[in-house]
Amino acid sequence: MKKALLTIAGLLITILAVAKDVNEQDPKYGKGAVPQDENGDVYFSQTVQIPDGMSADQCYEILMNWAKGRFAMPYAQAGRVLNEDAKARRFIFHVDQMIVFKSKALVADESKISYNFSVAVQNNQFTMKMTDIKYRYEEGREGGGRIFPAEDWITDKEAYNRKGTKFLKSTGKFRIKTIDLKDLLFQKATDAVSGNF
């Protein structure tokens, strides 16, 4: 009898964990959390006011120095400047780095993520964007794994079941880690400008 009750309890817990309703999902990752432009391309963007007393040139220099440090080892596998225009106070970095979903002693579930991180400083504010996001999953497997764009993996259409009621685990993990990475980058850049390292 005890075994039967434990088995039933275990099954119920498993069913509830697998059938997690969208309403229970953290709204940070919920519907609308991954914006798309008019062409359907995924992008993240945030605009922040420059602190009083700081010039646009000072802000640009701080952000460029922050990006050069952030998009170098050990944070990123590769980071390079794609475009820099100091006069217009704009730059774009292309970044390759790893995102880790789960890590155990000898096994890691991870993916390489590639993206462009851009900054434009103007009108007493700076705008950060994360665009052109792609994943290379299971890179160590025969054939080199799969490469797919964010548009095919982390949008509302791809991250939820057909009815739009359940968050899918397979694509959801990419959505969660991408949003977490975006939040981290935007916060660290903002902290660099405000002096809160």
Protein backbone atom coordinates (compact mmCIF):
# COMPACT_ATOMS: atom_id res chain seq x y z
CA MET A 1 0.00 0.00 0.00
CA LYS A 2 2.82 2.38 0.93
CA LYS A 3 4.62 1.65 -2.34
CA ALA A 4 1.46 2.29 -4.34
CA LEU A 5 0.90 5.65 -2.62
CA LEU A 6 4.51 6.67 -3.17
CA THR A 7 4.29 5.66 -6.83
CA ILE A 8 1.07 7.64 -7.32
CA ALA A 9 2.55 10.67 -5.54
CA GLY A 10 5.66 10.47 -7.72
CA LEU A 11 3.56 10.26 -10.88
CA LEU A 12 1.45 13.25 -9.85
CA ILE A 13 4.54 15.35 -9.15
CA THR A 14 6.02 14.38 -12.51
CA ILE A 15 2.79 15.16 -14.38
CA LEU A 16 2.46 18.53 -12.65
CA ALA A 17 6.08 19.41 -13.41
CA VAL A 18 5.77 18.48 -17.09
CA ALA A 19 2.37 20.11 -17.59
CA LYS A 20 3.37 23.45 -16.13
CA ASP A 21 0.80 26.04 -17.16
CA VAL A 22 1.90 29.25 -18.88
CA ASN A 23 0.28 31.25 -16.07
CA GLU A 24 2.78 29.74 -13.63
CA GLN A 25 5.73 30.67 -15.87
CA ASP A 26 7.86 33.61 -14.79
CA PRO A 27 6.46 36.60 -16.75
CA LYS A 28 10.03 37.69 -17.50
CA TYR A 29 10.15 34.80 -19.99
CA GLY A 30 6.45 34.79 -20.91
CA LYS A 31 4.62 35.81 -24.05
CA GLY A 32 5.88 39.04 -25.56
CA ALA A 33 9.29 38.75 -23.84
CA VAL A 34 11.05 38.18 -27.18
CA PRO A 35 10.33 41.14 -29.49
CA GLN A 36 10.45 40.88 -33.27
CA ASP A 37 10.74 43.69 -35.80
CA GLU A 38 8.50 44.16 -38.85
CA ASN A 39 10.58 41.55 -40.74
CA GLY A 40 10.18 38.98 -37.96
CA ASP A 41 13.80 39.31 -36.76
CA VAL A 42 14.37 38.88 -33.03
CA TYR A 43 16.00 41.82 -31.26
CA PHE A 44 16.39 43.18 -27.75
CA SER A 45 16.79 46.89 -27.11
CA GLN A 46 17.05 49.21 -24.13
CA THR A 47 17.59 52.98 -23.92
CA VAL A 48 19.15 54.52 -20.80
CA GLN A 49 19.63 58.17 -19.80
CA ILE A 50 23.23 59.36 -19.45
CA PRO A 51 23.96 60.48 -15.86
CA ASP A 52 23.92 64.23 -15.20
CA GLY A 53 27.31 65.84 -15.74
CA MET A 54 28.55 63.16 -18.17
CA SER A 55 29.12 64.08 -21.80
CA ALA A 56 28.07 61.85 -24.70
CA ASP A 57 31.76 61.38 -25.59
CA GLN A 58 32.59 60.25 -22.04
CA CYS A 59 29.65 57.84 -22.08
CA TYR A 60 30.74 56.43 -25.44
CA GLU A 61 34.32 55.92 -24.23
CA ILE A 62 33.15 54.15 -21.05
CA LEU A 63 30.84 51.84 -23.03
CA MET A 64 33.51 51.04 -25.64
CA ASN A 65 36.05 50.18 -22.93
CA TRP A 66 33.44 48.10 -21.11
CA ALA A 67 32.59 46.20 -24.31
CA LYS A 68 36.26 45.54 -25.14
CA GLY A 69 36.70 43.97 -21.69
CA ARG A 70 33.38 42.16 -21.62
CA PHE A 71 33.63 40.59 -25.05
CA ALA A 72 37.12 39.18 -24.48
CA MET A 73 38.08 35.96 -22.67
CA PRO A 74 36.94 34.56 -20.24
CA TYR A 75 33.43 35.98 -20.82
CA ALA A 76 33.29 35.30 -24.55
CA GLN A 77 35.04 32.79 -26.78
CA ALA A 78 35.41 35.45 -29.44
CA GLY A 79 34.43 39.08 -29.66
CA ARG A 80 35.39 41.49 -32.38
CA VAL A 81 34.44 44.99 -33.42
CA LEU A 82 32.33 44.86 -36.59
CA ASN A 83 31.85 48.59 -36.84
CA GLU A 84 33.06 51.56 -34.84
CA ASP A 85 32.27 55.21 -35.51
CA ALA A 86 33.60 57.37 -32.67
CA LYS A 87 32.33 60.58 -34.31
CA ALA A 88 28.77 59.28 -34.45
CA ARG A 89 29.35 57.49 -31.10
CA ARG A 90 28.24 54.05 -32.33
CA PHE A 91 29.79 50.61 -32.30
CA ILE A 92 28.84 47.01 -33.01
CA PHE A 93 30.56 43.94 -31.57
CA HIS A 94 30.05 40.41 -32.89
CA VAL A 95 30.26 37.93 -30.01
CA ASP A 96 30.51 34.13 -29.72
CA GLN A 97 30.12 32.63 -26.26
CA MET A 98 28.70 29.60 -24.49
CA ILE A 99 25.44 29.41 -22.62
CA VAL A 100 25.14 26.51 -20.18
CA PHE A 101 21.73 24.98 -19.52
CA LYS A 102 22.86 22.20 -17.18
CA SER A 103 26.25 21.05 -16.01
CA LYS A 104 27.08 17.83 -14.19
CA ALA A 105 30.41 16.18 -13.42
CA LEU A 106 31.15 14.80 -16.89
CA VAL A 107 28.23 16.09 -18.94
CA ALA A 108 27.19 19.59 -19.91
CA ASP A 109 24.11 20.68 -21.82
CA GLU A 110 25.28 23.85 -23.52
CA SER A 111 25.15 25.80 -26.75
CA LYS A 112 27.27 28.38 -28.49
CA ILE A 113 25.39 31.64 -28.97
CA SER A 114 26.45 34.25 -31.52
CA TYR A 115 25.02 37.75 -31.58
CA ASN A 116 25.70 41.37 -32.40
CA PHE A 117 25.79 43.84 -29.51
CA SER A 118 25.51 47.47 -30.55
CA VAL A 119 25.53 50.80 -28.74
CA ALA A 120 24.55 54.25 -30.00
CA VAL A 121 25.03 57.33 -27.81
CA GLN A 122 22.98 60.43 -28.65
CA ASN A 123 20.62 63.02 -27.15
CA ASN A 124 21.73 62.45 -23.53
CA GLN A 125 21.00 58.73 -23.73
CA PHE A 126 22.45 55.50 -25.03
CA THR A 127 20.68 52.64 -26.74
CA MET A 128 21.90 49.05 -26.51
CA LYS A 129 20.75 46.36 -28.92
CA MET A 130 21.28 42.61 -29.13
CA THR A 131 20.51 41.33 -32.64
CA ASP A 132 21.33 38.65 -35.21
CA ILE A 133 21.15 35.91 -32.55
CA LYS A 134 22.09 32.38 -33.61
CA TYR A 135 22.75 29.15 -31.74
CA ARG A 136 25.07 26.24 -32.47
CA TYR A 137 23.73 23.34 -30.42
CA GLU A 138 25.42 19.99 -29.81
CA GLU A 139 28.59 21.19 -31.52
CA GLY A 140 30.59 18.20 -30.28
CA ARG A 141 28.36 15.68 -32.04
CA GLU A 142 29.12 14.06 -35.36
CA GLY A 143 28.39 16.55 -38.12
CA GLY A 144 29.12 19.55 -35.89
CA GLY A 145 25.67 19.99 -34.40
CA ARG A 146 22.90 22.27 -35.58
CA ILE A 147 22.89 26.00 -36.27
CA PHE A 148 19.61 27.84 -36.01
CA PRO A 149 18.52 31.48 -35.68
CA ALA A 150 16.60 32.85 -32.71
CA GLU A 151 13.61 33.42 -35.00
CA ASP A 152 13.24 29.64 -35.38
CA TRP A 153 13.72 28.84 -31.71
CA ILE A 154 12.84 31.43 -29.03
CA THR A 155 9.86 33.38 -30.38
CA ASP A 156 6.40 33.00 -28.84
CA LYS A 157 5.43 30.77 -31.76
CA GLU A 158 8.37 28.41 -31.15
CA ALA A 159 8.58 28.49 -27.34
CA TYR A 160 4.99 27.43 -26.67
CA ASN A 161 2.82 24.50 -27.69
CA ARG A 162 0.38 24.89 -30.61
CA LYS A 163 -2.42 26.10 -28.36
CA GLY A 164 -0.08 28.65 -26.76
CA THR A 165 -0.81 27.31 -23.28
CA LYS A 166 2.37 25.45 -22.33
CA PHE A 167 6.01 26.52 -22.32
CA LEU A 168 8.12 23.96 -24.21
CA LYS A 169 11.19 22.69 -22.38
CA SER A 170 13.34 22.07 -25.48
CA THR A 171 13.08 25.59 -26.91
CA GLY A 172 12.24 27.27 -23.63
CA LYS A 173 15.72 26.73 -22.21
CA PHE A 174 17.20 28.77 -25.08
CA ARG A 175 14.64 31.52 -24.54
CA ILE A 176 15.36 31.68 -20.80
CA LYS A 177 19.16 31.75 -21.16
CA THR A 178 19.03 34.33 -23.98
CA ILE A 179 16.80 36.67 -21.97
CA ASP A 180 19.07 36.21 -18.92
CA LEU A 181 22.14 37.02 -21.04
CA LYS A 182 20.47 40.11 -22.50
CA ASP A 183 19.49 41.31 -19.02
CA LEU A 184 23.03 40.74 -17.73
CA LEU A 185 24.67 42.61 -20.63
CA PHE A 186 22.29 45.57 -20.47
CA GLN A 187 22.67 45.81 -16.69
CA LYS A 188 26.49 45.56 -16.75
CA ALA A 189 26.75 48.24 -19.47
CA THR A 190 24.40 50.52 -17.51
CA ASP A 191 26.40 49.89 -14.32
CA ALA A 192 29.63 50.79 -16.14
CA VAL A 193 28.19 54.17 -17.14
CA SER A 194 26.72 54.90 -13.71
CA GLY A 195 29.91 53.79 -11.95
CA ASN A 196 28.27 50.83 -10.17
CA PHE A 197 30.70 48.06 -11.09
